[in-house]
Amino acid sequence: MKVKICGITNYDDAMYAAEAGADALGFVFYPNSPRYISYEECATIIEKLPPFVTKVGLFVNNTKEEIEEGFKKSGIDIAQIHFDVSEEFLQSLEVKFLPVIRAKEPQAIDKFHSFYRIIDAFSPQYGGSGKRLNLEWFKNKDCSKIILAGGLTSQNLYELKGFNFYGVDVSSGVEAYKGKKDFMKVKQFIKNAKNL
């Protein structure tokens, strides 16, 4: 099980998550988020990180050109497209991308089924709401390209056993407060996810 720790705002949190075994770190480029980080701040963190950790940048309501520019300026590896777009929009991007589906109903999880994708609980704000998805929606589905997000904590990860999700994505579930990670929560979350 791959683990992404999202909402990284500082070097200490990034380094701790990487050393604890995170496969990916998420940086939020959405100015209205309490976990917002600029491309320049992100770049200074990324240049000091170990090589085998994937760096993901979260974009909300950006144009193709803005996403590609932010990708270059920040030094990320993958653009997380955290707003409603078409498959044509995704295919037009000249950078590696990861679409997010903010699911309101069971049918939504089949969107972009040929791509690796994050499936999160729908929330009017973008990301880190702590809302959970109904796991019944994923029964008898191929979850091998799905990264599950939304309301995950080290205590409820055991419920995912047997679904064969590609990975999990957590932000608020491992925080001391918005924008600052709790190191013990990060460590326990990664350990529990890797043991599924």
N, C-alpha and C. Protein backbone atom coordinates (compact mmCIF):
# COMPACT_ATOMS: atom_id res chain seq x y z
N MET A 1 0.85 -1.20 0.00
CA MET A 1 0.00 0.00 0.00
C MET A 1 0.89 1.25 0.00
N LYS A 2 0.70 2.07 -1.02
CA LYS A 2 1.45 3.32 -1.13
C LYS A 2 0.79 4.38 -0.24
N VAL A 3 1.64 5.25 0.34
CA VAL A 3 1.12 6.27 1.25
C VAL A 3 1.56 7.65 0.80
N LYS A 4 0.58 8.56 0.66
CA LYS A 4 0.88 9.97 0.38
C LYS A 4 0.47 10.80 1.58
N ILE A 5 1.42 11.60 2.07
CA ILE A 5 1.13 12.54 3.15
C ILE A 5 0.97 13.90 2.50
N CYS A 6 -0.24 14.46 2.58
CA CYS A 6 -0.55 15.70 1.86
C CYS A 6 -0.61 16.89 2.82
N GLY A 7 -0.54 18.08 2.23
CA GLY A 7 -0.61 19.30 3.03
C GLY A 7 0.69 19.64 3.71
N ILE A 8 1.82 19.30 3.08
CA ILE A 8 3.15 19.61 3.64
C ILE A 8 3.41 21.11 3.46
N THR A 9 3.80 21.78 4.56
CA THR A 9 4.04 23.23 4.49
C THR A 9 5.46 23.61 4.92
N ASN A 10 6.23 22.65 5.41
CA ASN A 10 7.57 23.00 5.91
C ASN A 10 8.52 21.81 5.77
N TYR A 11 9.80 22.11 5.83
CA TYR A 11 10.83 21.09 5.60
C TYR A 11 10.81 19.99 6.66
N ASP A 12 10.63 20.35 7.92
CA ASP A 12 10.67 19.34 8.99
C ASP A 12 9.59 18.28 8.80
N ASP A 13 8.38 18.73 8.47
CA ASP A 13 7.28 17.77 8.24
C ASP A 13 7.57 16.89 7.02
N ALA A 14 8.11 17.51 5.98
CA ALA A 14 8.42 16.76 4.76
C ALA A 14 9.48 15.69 5.04
N MET A 15 10.53 16.08 5.73
CA MET A 15 11.64 15.16 6.00
C MET A 15 11.20 14.04 6.93
N TYR A 16 10.41 14.40 7.94
CA TYR A 16 9.96 13.36 8.87
C TYR A 16 9.09 12.33 8.15
N ALA A 17 8.15 12.82 7.33
CA ALA A 17 7.27 11.89 6.60
C ALA A 17 8.08 11.00 5.66
N ALA A 18 9.07 11.58 5.00
CA ALA A 18 9.92 10.79 4.09
C ALA A 18 10.69 9.72 4.87
N GLU A 19 11.25 10.11 6.00
CA GLU A 19 12.03 9.15 6.80
C GLU A 19 11.15 8.08 7.43
N ALA A 20 9.88 8.42 7.66
CA ALA A 20 8.94 7.45 8.25
C ALA A 20 8.42 6.46 7.21
N GLY A 21 8.75 6.71 5.93
CA GLY A 21 8.38 5.75 4.89
C GLY A 21 7.31 6.19 3.92
N ALA A 22 6.96 7.49 3.92
CA ALA A 22 5.97 7.98 2.95
C ALA A 22 6.49 7.77 1.53
N ASP A 23 5.62 7.33 0.64
CA ASP A 23 5.98 7.15 -0.77
C ASP A 23 5.88 8.46 -1.53
N ALA A 24 4.97 9.34 -1.07
CA ALA A 24 4.74 10.61 -1.76
C ALA A 24 4.39 11.69 -0.74
N LEU A 25 4.74 12.93 -1.10
CA LEU A 25 4.41 14.09 -0.29
C LEU A 25 3.58 15.04 -1.14
N GLY A 26 2.55 15.64 -0.54
CA GLY A 26 1.67 16.54 -1.28
C GLY A 26 1.82 17.98 -0.83
N PHE A 27 1.89 18.88 -1.81
CA PHE A 27 2.02 20.32 -1.56
C PHE A 27 0.82 21.02 -2.18
N VAL A 28 0.15 21.86 -1.40
CA VAL A 28 -1.11 22.48 -1.84
C VAL A 28 -0.84 23.87 -2.40
N PHE A 29 -1.09 24.04 -3.70
CA PHE A 29 -0.89 25.33 -4.37
C PHE A 29 -2.19 26.12 -4.50
N TYR A 30 -3.13 25.86 -3.62
CA TYR A 30 -4.43 26.54 -3.65
C TYR A 30 -4.42 27.62 -2.57
N PRO A 31 -4.40 28.91 -2.95
CA PRO A 31 -4.21 29.99 -1.97
C PRO A 31 -5.25 30.04 -0.85
N ASN A 32 -6.45 29.53 -1.08
CA ASN A 32 -7.49 29.58 -0.04
C ASN A 32 -7.36 28.47 1.00
N SER A 33 -6.39 27.60 0.85
CA SER A 33 -6.22 26.49 1.79
C SER A 33 -5.34 26.91 2.97
N PRO A 34 -5.67 26.43 4.19
CA PRO A 34 -4.79 26.70 5.33
C PRO A 34 -3.44 25.99 5.18
N ARG A 35 -3.36 25.09 4.22
CA ARG A 35 -2.11 24.35 3.98
C ARG A 35 -1.37 24.85 2.73
N TYR A 36 -1.73 26.05 2.30
CA TYR A 36 -1.14 26.62 1.08
C TYR A 36 0.37 26.80 1.20
N ILE A 37 1.06 26.52 0.10
CA ILE A 37 2.49 26.79 -0.01
C ILE A 37 2.76 27.34 -1.41
N SER A 38 3.66 28.30 -1.51
CA SER A 38 3.98 28.87 -2.82
C SER A 38 4.89 27.93 -3.59
N TYR A 39 4.96 28.13 -4.90
CA TYR A 39 5.86 27.31 -5.73
C TYR A 39 7.30 27.45 -5.24
N GLU A 40 7.68 28.68 -4.89
CA GLU A 40 9.06 28.95 -4.48
C GLU A 40 9.40 28.26 -3.16
N GLU A 41 8.49 28.34 -2.18
CA GLU A 41 8.71 27.67 -0.88
C GLU A 41 8.80 26.16 -1.08
N CYS A 42 7.91 25.65 -1.93
CA CYS A 42 7.91 24.22 -2.23
C CYS A 42 9.24 23.80 -2.83
N ALA A 43 9.76 24.58 -3.76
CA ALA A 43 11.02 24.26 -4.44
C ALA A 43 12.18 24.18 -3.44
N THR A 44 12.18 25.08 -2.45
CA THR A 44 13.29 25.06 -1.47
C THR A 44 13.23 23.82 -0.58
N ILE A 45 12.02 23.32 -0.33
CA ILE A 45 11.88 22.07 0.45
C ILE A 45 12.29 20.88 -0.41
N ILE A 46 11.78 20.84 -1.63
CA ILE A 46 12.01 19.70 -2.52
C ILE A 46 13.51 19.48 -2.80
N GLU A 47 14.25 20.57 -2.97
CA GLU A 47 15.66 20.40 -3.34
C GLU A 47 16.48 19.74 -2.22
N LYS A 48 15.92 19.71 -1.00
CA LYS A 48 16.65 19.11 0.13
C LYS A 48 16.14 17.71 0.48
N LEU A 49 15.13 17.22 -0.26
CA LEU A 49 14.53 15.93 0.08
C LEU A 49 15.32 14.77 -0.53
N PRO A 50 15.18 13.56 0.07
CA PRO A 50 15.81 12.38 -0.51
C PRO A 50 15.25 12.08 -1.90
N PRO A 51 15.99 11.36 -2.75
CA PRO A 51 15.58 11.18 -4.15
C PRO A 51 14.37 10.29 -4.39
N PHE A 52 14.13 9.26 -3.57
CA PHE A 52 13.09 8.28 -3.92
C PHE A 52 11.75 8.56 -3.23
N VAL A 53 11.39 9.84 -3.17
CA VAL A 53 10.08 10.23 -2.65
C VAL A 53 9.41 11.06 -3.74
N THR A 54 8.18 10.70 -4.11
CA THR A 54 7.47 11.40 -5.17
C THR A 54 6.85 12.69 -4.61
N LYS A 55 7.06 13.78 -5.32
CA LYS A 55 6.55 15.08 -4.90
C LYS A 55 5.34 15.46 -5.76
N VAL A 56 4.21 15.70 -5.10
CA VAL A 56 2.94 15.94 -5.79
C VAL A 56 2.43 17.34 -5.46
N GLY A 57 2.05 18.10 -6.49
CA GLY A 57 1.50 19.44 -6.27
C GLY A 57 0.01 19.46 -6.56
N LEU A 58 -0.77 20.02 -5.63
CA LEU A 58 -2.22 20.04 -5.76
C LEU A 58 -2.67 21.37 -6.38
N PHE A 59 -3.36 21.27 -7.52
CA PHE A 59 -3.85 22.44 -8.24
C PHE A 59 -5.37 22.49 -8.20
N VAL A 60 -5.92 23.69 -8.02
CA VAL A 60 -7.37 23.89 -8.01
C VAL A 60 -7.72 25.04 -8.94
N ASN A 61 -8.60 24.76 -9.91
CA ASN A 61 -9.12 25.77 -10.84
C ASN A 61 -8.03 26.54 -11.58
N ASN A 62 -7.00 25.82 -12.01
CA ASN A 62 -5.93 26.43 -12.80
C ASN A 62 -6.07 26.08 -14.27
N THR A 63 -5.51 26.91 -15.13
CA THR A 63 -5.47 26.60 -16.56
C THR A 63 -4.34 25.61 -16.82
N LYS A 64 -4.37 25.03 -18.00
CA LYS A 64 -3.30 24.13 -18.44
C LYS A 64 -1.94 24.83 -18.31
N GLU A 65 -1.85 26.08 -18.76
CA GLU A 65 -0.59 26.82 -18.75
C GLU A 65 -0.13 27.09 -17.32
N GLU A 66 -1.06 27.42 -16.44
CA GLU A 66 -0.71 27.68 -15.03
C GLU A 66 -0.18 26.41 -14.36
N ILE A 67 -0.81 25.29 -14.66
CA ILE A 67 -0.37 24.01 -14.08
C ILE A 67 1.04 23.68 -14.55
N GLU A 68 1.27 23.83 -15.83
CA GLU A 68 2.59 23.49 -16.39
C GLU A 68 3.67 24.43 -15.86
N GLU A 69 3.32 25.72 -15.68
CA GLU A 69 4.28 26.68 -15.13
C GLU A 69 4.58 26.36 -13.67
N GLY A 70 3.52 26.08 -12.89
CA GLY A 70 3.69 25.73 -11.48
C GLY A 70 4.50 24.47 -11.30
N PHE A 71 4.30 23.52 -12.20
CA PHE A 71 5.04 22.25 -12.18
C PHE A 71 6.55 22.54 -12.28
N LYS A 72 6.89 23.38 -13.23
CA LYS A 72 8.32 23.70 -13.45
C LYS A 72 8.91 24.49 -12.29
N LYS A 73 8.17 25.50 -11.83
CA LYS A 73 8.69 26.38 -10.76
C LYS A 73 8.89 25.67 -9.43
N SER A 74 8.01 24.71 -9.13
CA SER A 74 8.02 24.07 -7.81
C SER A 74 8.94 22.85 -7.72
N GLY A 75 9.21 22.22 -8.87
CA GLY A 75 10.05 21.02 -8.85
C GLY A 75 9.33 19.74 -8.52
N ILE A 76 7.99 19.77 -8.61
CA ILE A 76 7.21 18.55 -8.31
C ILE A 76 7.35 17.52 -9.44
N ASP A 77 6.91 16.29 -9.13
CA ASP A 77 6.94 15.18 -10.10
C ASP A 77 5.58 14.94 -10.76
N ILE A 78 4.51 15.25 -10.03
CA ILE A 78 3.15 14.97 -10.50
C ILE A 78 2.23 16.14 -10.15
N ALA A 79 1.35 16.51 -11.08
CA ALA A 79 0.33 17.53 -10.83
C ALA A 79 -0.96 16.82 -10.42
N GLN A 80 -1.43 17.10 -9.21
CA GLN A 80 -2.70 16.55 -8.73
C GLN A 80 -3.81 17.52 -9.14
N ILE A 81 -4.68 17.06 -10.03
CA ILE A 81 -5.72 17.93 -10.59
C ILE A 81 -6.97 17.81 -9.72
N HIS A 82 -7.11 18.75 -8.76
CA HIS A 82 -8.11 18.63 -7.71
C HIS A 82 -9.38 19.44 -8.01
N PHE A 83 -9.79 19.46 -9.28
CA PHE A 83 -11.03 20.13 -9.64
C PHE A 83 -11.62 19.41 -10.84
N ASP A 84 -12.85 19.75 -11.18
CA ASP A 84 -13.56 19.01 -12.22
C ASP A 84 -13.03 19.37 -13.61
N VAL A 85 -12.50 18.36 -14.28
CA VAL A 85 -11.96 18.56 -15.63
C VAL A 85 -12.42 17.41 -16.52
N SER A 86 -12.24 17.59 -17.81
CA SER A 86 -12.57 16.53 -18.77
C SER A 86 -11.34 15.67 -19.01
N GLU A 87 -11.57 14.51 -19.60
CA GLU A 87 -10.45 13.65 -19.98
C GLU A 87 -9.57 14.35 -21.02
N GLU A 88 -10.21 15.16 -21.88
CA GLU A 88 -9.45 15.90 -22.90
C GLU A 88 -8.48 16.88 -22.25
N PHE A 89 -8.94 17.54 -21.18
CA PHE A 89 -8.07 18.47 -20.45
C PHE A 89 -6.86 17.73 -19.89
N LEU A 90 -7.11 16.60 -19.26
CA LEU A 90 -6.01 15.81 -18.69
C LEU A 90 -5.01 15.40 -19.78
N GLN A 91 -5.54 14.92 -20.88
CA GLN A 91 -4.68 14.43 -21.97
C GLN A 91 -3.88 15.56 -22.61
N SER A 92 -4.37 16.80 -22.48
CA SER A 92 -3.67 17.93 -23.08
C SER A 92 -2.46 18.38 -22.24
N LEU A 93 -2.43 17.97 -20.98
CA LEU A 93 -1.33 18.40 -20.10
C LEU A 93 -0.01 17.79 -20.55
N GLU A 94 1.02 18.60 -20.51
CA GLU A 94 2.34 18.14 -20.92
C GLU A 94 3.21 17.78 -19.72
N VAL A 95 2.54 17.47 -18.61
CA VAL A 95 3.23 17.03 -17.39
C VAL A 95 2.51 15.79 -16.87
N LYS A 96 3.15 15.05 -15.99
CA LYS A 96 2.52 13.87 -15.38
C LYS A 96 1.42 14.35 -14.44
N PHE A 97 0.25 13.70 -14.51
CA PHE A 97 -0.89 14.18 -13.72
C PHE A 97 -1.57 13.05 -12.96
N LEU A 98 -2.33 13.45 -11.94
CA LEU A 98 -3.11 12.52 -11.13
C LEU A 98 -4.45 13.19 -10.88
N PRO A 99 -5.52 12.71 -11.54
CA PRO A 99 -6.83 13.35 -11.33
C PRO A 99 -7.44 12.97 -9.98
N VAL A 100 -8.24 13.90 -9.47
CA VAL A 100 -8.98 13.65 -8.22
C VAL A 100 -10.47 13.65 -8.53
N ILE A 101 -11.16 12.66 -8.02
CA ILE A 101 -12.61 12.59 -8.14
C ILE A 101 -13.19 12.87 -6.76
N ARG A 102 -13.97 13.95 -6.67
CA ARG A 102 -14.63 14.29 -5.40
C ARG A 102 -16.02 13.66 -5.47
N ALA A 103 -16.13 12.46 -4.94
CA ALA A 103 -17.30 11.61 -5.20
C ALA A 103 -18.50 11.96 -4.33
N LYS A 104 -19.63 12.21 -5.02
CA LYS A 104 -20.90 12.45 -4.33
C LYS A 104 -21.75 11.19 -4.30
N GLU A 105 -21.56 10.32 -5.31
CA GLU A 105 -22.39 9.11 -5.40
C GLU A 105 -21.53 7.96 -5.93
N PRO A 106 -22.00 6.72 -5.78
CA PRO A 106 -21.18 5.54 -6.14
C PRO A 106 -20.68 5.54 -7.58
N GLN A 107 -21.50 6.04 -8.52
CA GLN A 107 -21.10 6.00 -9.93
C GLN A 107 -19.85 6.83 -10.20
N ALA A 108 -19.61 7.82 -9.35
CA ALA A 108 -18.48 8.74 -9.58
C ALA A 108 -17.14 8.02 -9.55
N ILE A 109 -17.05 6.94 -8.82
CA ILE A 109 -15.74 6.29 -8.67
C ILE A 109 -15.28 5.60 -9.95
N ASP A 110 -16.19 5.46 -10.92
CA ASP A 110 -15.80 4.85 -12.20
C ASP A 110 -15.22 5.86 -13.19
N LYS A 111 -15.29 7.15 -12.84
CA LYS A 111 -14.76 8.18 -13.73
C LYS A 111 -13.24 8.03 -13.86
N PHE A 112 -12.72 8.28 -15.05
CA PHE A 112 -11.27 8.17 -15.32
C PHE A 112 -10.71 6.79 -14.94
N HIS A 113 -11.51 5.74 -15.13
CA HIS A 113 -11.13 4.41 -14.64
C HIS A 113 -9.85 3.86 -15.27
N SER A 114 -9.44 4.42 -16.42
CA SER A 114 -8.21 3.92 -17.04
C SER A 114 -6.96 4.57 -16.44
N PHE A 115 -7.15 5.63 -15.62
CA PHE A 115 -6.03 6.33 -15.00
C PHE A 115 -5.86 5.92 -13.53
N TYR A 116 -4.64 6.04 -13.03
CA TYR A 116 -4.48 6.08 -11.58
C TYR A 116 -5.14 7.37 -11.13
N ARG A 117 -5.89 7.31 -10.01
CA ARG A 117 -6.65 8.48 -9.59
C ARG A 117 -6.88 8.46 -8.08
N ILE A 118 -7.07 9.66 -7.55
CA ILE A 118 -7.44 9.80 -6.13
C ILE A 118 -8.95 9.93 -6.07
N ILE A 119 -9.57 9.20 -5.16
CA ILE A 119 -11.01 9.36 -4.93
C ILE A 119 -11.19 9.87 -3.50
N ASP A 120 -11.82 11.04 -3.41
CA ASP A 120 -12.00 11.72 -2.14
C ASP A 120 -13.49 11.95 -1.93
N ALA A 121 -13.87 12.17 -0.68
CA ALA A 121 -15.26 12.52 -0.38
C ALA A 121 -15.53 13.93 -0.87
N PHE A 122 -16.71 14.15 -1.44
CA PHE A 122 -17.03 15.49 -1.92
C PHE A 122 -17.13 16.45 -0.74
N SER A 123 -16.57 17.64 -0.95
CA SER A 123 -16.67 18.71 0.04
C SER A 123 -16.67 20.02 -0.74
N PRO A 124 -17.45 21.03 -0.30
CA PRO A 124 -17.47 22.30 -1.03
C PRO A 124 -16.07 22.95 -1.09
N GLN A 125 -15.29 22.77 0.02
CA GLN A 125 -13.91 23.25 -0.05
C GLN A 125 -13.06 22.14 -0.66
N TYR A 126 -11.82 22.44 -0.95
CA TYR A 126 -10.97 21.48 -1.67
C TYR A 126 -9.94 20.85 -0.74
N GLY A 127 -10.14 19.56 -0.43
CA GLY A 127 -9.11 18.79 0.28
C GLY A 127 -9.09 19.02 1.78
N GLY A 128 -8.66 17.97 2.49
CA GLY A 128 -8.44 18.08 3.93
C GLY A 128 -9.68 18.32 4.77
N SER A 129 -10.84 17.85 4.30
CA SER A 129 -12.08 18.09 5.04
C SER A 129 -12.30 17.06 6.14
N GLY A 130 -11.64 15.90 6.03
CA GLY A 130 -11.83 14.84 7.01
C GLY A 130 -13.09 14.02 6.80
N LYS A 131 -13.82 14.30 5.69
CA LYS A 131 -15.03 13.52 5.40
C LYS A 131 -14.65 12.16 4.83
N ARG A 132 -15.45 11.14 5.15
CA ARG A 132 -15.15 9.78 4.70
C ARG A 132 -16.09 9.33 3.59
N LEU A 133 -15.58 8.44 2.75
CA LEU A 133 -16.40 7.81 1.72
C LEU A 133 -16.99 6.52 2.25
N ASN A 134 -18.10 6.11 1.65
CA ASN A 134 -18.74 4.85 2.00
C ASN A 134 -17.98 3.71 1.31
N LEU A 135 -17.35 2.85 2.08
CA LEU A 135 -16.55 1.77 1.50
C LEU A 135 -17.40 0.76 0.73
N GLU A 136 -18.70 0.74 1.00
CA GLU A 136 -19.61 -0.17 0.25
C GLU A 136 -19.54 0.13 -1.25
N TRP A 137 -19.25 1.39 -1.60
CA TRP A 137 -19.19 1.77 -3.01
C TRP A 137 -18.08 1.03 -3.75
N PHE A 138 -17.07 0.58 -3.03
CA PHE A 138 -15.89 -0.02 -3.66
C PHE A 138 -15.94 -1.55 -3.71
N LYS A 139 -16.99 -2.13 -3.12
CA LYS A 139 -17.10 -3.60 -3.12
C LYS A 139 -17.26 -4.12 -4.54
N ASN A 140 -16.53 -5.18 -4.86
CA ASN A 140 -16.55 -5.82 -6.19
C ASN A 140 -16.07 -4.89 -7.31
N LYS A 141 -15.28 -3.86 -6.94
CA LYS A 141 -14.68 -2.97 -7.94
C LYS A 141 -13.19 -3.26 -8.02
N ASP A 142 -12.61 -2.97 -9.17
CA ASP A 142 -11.15 -3.05 -9.30
C ASP A 142 -10.57 -1.76 -8.71
N CYS A 143 -9.95 -1.87 -7.56
CA CYS A 143 -9.42 -0.68 -6.86
C CYS A 143 -7.91 -0.54 -7.04
N SER A 144 -7.33 -1.30 -7.97
CA SER A 144 -5.87 -1.34 -8.09
C SER A 144 -5.27 -0.04 -8.61
N LYS A 145 -6.10 0.86 -9.18
CA LYS A 145 -5.59 2.17 -9.63
C LYS A 145 -6.15 3.32 -8.79
N ILE A 146 -6.76 2.97 -7.66
CA ILE A 146 -7.40 3.98 -6.82
C ILE A 146 -6.55 4.29 -5.59
N ILE A 147 -6.35 5.59 -5.36
CA ILE A 147 -5.74 6.08 -4.13
C ILE A 147 -6.89 6.67 -3.32
N LEU A 148 -7.16 6.11 -2.16
CA LEU A 148 -8.32 6.54 -1.37
C LEU A 148 -7.93 7.69 -0.44
N ALA A 149 -8.78 8.71 -0.41
CA ALA A 149 -8.58 9.86 0.48
C ALA A 149 -9.89 10.15 1.21
N GLY A 150 -9.80 10.96 2.24
CA GLY A 150 -11.02 11.40 2.92
C GLY A 150 -11.23 10.74 4.27
N GLY A 151 -10.89 11.45 5.34
CA GLY A 151 -11.21 10.99 6.69
C GLY A 151 -10.41 9.80 7.18
N LEU A 152 -9.28 9.53 6.57
CA LEU A 152 -8.49 8.37 7.00
C LEU A 152 -7.62 8.73 8.21
N THR A 153 -7.51 7.77 9.13
CA THR A 153 -6.63 7.90 10.30
C THR A 153 -5.97 6.56 10.52
N SER A 154 -4.97 6.53 11.38
CA SER A 154 -4.31 5.25 11.66
C SER A 154 -5.29 4.27 12.29
N GLN A 155 -6.33 4.79 12.97
CA GLN A 155 -7.30 3.91 13.65
C GLN A 155 -8.29 3.24 12.69
N ASN A 156 -8.60 3.87 11.56
CA ASN A 156 -9.62 3.27 10.68
C ASN A 156 -9.05 2.62 9.41
N LEU A 157 -7.73 2.64 9.26
CA LEU A 157 -7.13 2.03 8.06
C LEU A 157 -7.45 0.54 7.92
N TYR A 158 -7.59 -0.16 9.04
CA TYR A 158 -7.85 -1.61 8.99
C TYR A 158 -9.11 -1.94 8.18
N GLU A 159 -10.03 -0.97 8.08
CA GLU A 159 -11.28 -1.19 7.33
C GLU A 159 -11.03 -1.36 5.83
N LEU A 160 -9.84 -0.95 5.36
CA LEU A 160 -9.53 -1.01 3.93
C LEU A 160 -8.98 -2.37 3.50
N LYS A 161 -8.74 -3.23 4.46
CA LYS A 161 -8.14 -4.54 4.15
C LYS A 161 -9.02 -5.31 3.18
N GLY A 162 -8.39 -5.86 2.14
CA GLY A 162 -9.13 -6.67 1.17
C GLY A 162 -9.64 -5.92 -0.05
N PHE A 163 -9.59 -4.58 -0.02
CA PHE A 163 -10.07 -3.80 -1.17
C PHE A 163 -9.00 -3.66 -2.26
N ASN A 164 -7.76 -3.85 -1.89
CA ASN A 164 -6.66 -3.77 -2.84
C ASN A 164 -6.50 -2.38 -3.47
N PHE A 165 -6.67 -1.32 -2.63
CA PHE A 165 -6.40 0.02 -3.12
C PHE A 165 -4.91 0.15 -3.44
N TYR A 166 -4.60 0.94 -4.48
CA TYR A 166 -3.19 1.19 -4.80
C TYR A 166 -2.51 1.96 -3.67
N GLY A 167 -3.26 2.90 -3.08
CA GLY A 167 -2.65 3.70 -2.02
C GLY A 167 -3.68 4.47 -1.22
N VAL A 168 -3.18 5.19 -0.23
CA VAL A 168 -4.01 6.06 0.61
C VAL A 168 -3.37 7.44 0.66
N ASP A 169 -4.21 8.45 0.85
CA ASP A 169 -3.78 9.85 0.86
C ASP A 169 -4.36 10.47 2.13
N VAL A 170 -3.52 11.06 2.95
CA VAL A 170 -3.99 11.63 4.22
C VAL A 170 -3.43 13.03 4.41
N SER A 171 -4.25 13.88 5.03
CA SER A 171 -3.79 15.23 5.38
C SER A 171 -4.23 15.54 6.80
N SER A 172 -5.53 15.84 7.00
CA SER A 172 -6.01 16.24 8.32
C SER A 172 -5.86 15.12 9.36
N GLY A 173 -5.88 13.87 8.91
CA GLY A 173 -5.80 12.73 9.85
C GLY A 173 -4.46 12.55 10.53
N VAL A 174 -3.43 13.30 10.08
CA VAL A 174 -2.11 13.19 10.72
C VAL A 174 -1.59 14.57 11.15
N GLU A 175 -2.51 15.48 11.41
CA GLU A 175 -2.10 16.84 11.79
C GLU A 175 -2.20 17.11 13.29
N ALA A 176 -1.30 17.97 13.75
CA ALA A 176 -1.42 18.54 15.10
C ALA A 176 -2.45 19.67 15.02
N TYR A 177 -2.35 20.46 13.94
CA TYR A 177 -3.33 21.49 13.60
C TYR A 177 -3.16 21.75 12.10
N LYS A 178 -4.08 22.50 11.49
CA LYS A 178 -4.05 22.67 10.03
C LYS A 178 -2.71 23.26 9.58
N GLY A 179 -2.02 22.51 8.73
CA GLY A 179 -0.74 22.97 8.21
C GLY A 179 0.47 22.47 8.95
N LYS A 180 0.26 21.76 10.08
CA LYS A 180 1.40 21.22 10.85
C LYS A 180 1.13 19.76 11.18
N LYS A 181 2.08 18.90 10.81
CA LYS A 181 1.89 17.47 11.04
C LYS A 181 2.25 17.08 12.47
N ASP A 182 1.60 16.03 12.95
CA ASP A 182 1.91 15.41 14.24
C ASP A 182 2.78 14.20 13.92
N PHE A 183 4.05 14.24 14.31
CA PHE A 183 5.00 13.20 13.89
C PHE A 183 4.57 11.80 14.31
N MET A 184 4.01 11.65 15.50
CA MET A 184 3.61 10.32 15.94
C MET A 184 2.43 9.80 15.12
N LYS A 185 1.52 10.69 14.76
CA LYS A 185 0.38 10.29 13.91
C LYS A 185 0.86 9.88 12.52
N VAL A 186 1.83 10.64 11.98
CA VAL A 186 2.39 10.31 10.66
C VAL A 186 3.03 8.93 10.70
N LYS A 187 3.85 8.71 11.71
CA LYS A 187 4.58 7.43 11.83
C LYS A 187 3.60 6.26 11.96
N GLN A 188 2.60 6.41 12.81
CA GLN A 188 1.64 5.32 13.03
C GLN A 188 0.78 5.07 11.80
N PHE A 189 0.40 6.14 11.11
CA PHE A 189 -0.42 5.99 9.90
C PHE A 189 0.34 5.20 8.84
N ILE A 190 1.59 5.57 8.60
CA ILE A 190 2.39 4.90 7.58
C ILE A 190 2.60 3.44 7.97
N LYS A 191 2.92 3.20 9.24
CA LYS A 191 3.15 1.83 9.70
C LYS A 191 1.90 0.97 9.49
N ASN A 192 0.73 1.49 9.89
CA ASN A 192 -0.52 0.73 9.75
C ASN A 192 -0.88 0.48 8.29
N ALA A 193 -0.66 1.50 7.43
CA ALA A 193 -0.97 1.35 6.00
C ALA A 193 -0.07 0.29 5.36
N LYS A 194 1.18 0.29 5.73
CA LYS A 194 2.14 -0.66 5.14
C LYS A 194 1.87 -2.09 5.62
N ASN A 195 1.16 -2.22 6.73
CA ASN A 195 0.86 -3.55 7.27
C ASN A 195 -0.46 -4.13 6.75
N LEU A 196 -1.17 -3.38 5.91
CA LEU A 196 -2.46 -3.88 5.40
C LEU A 196 -2.24 -5.04 4.43
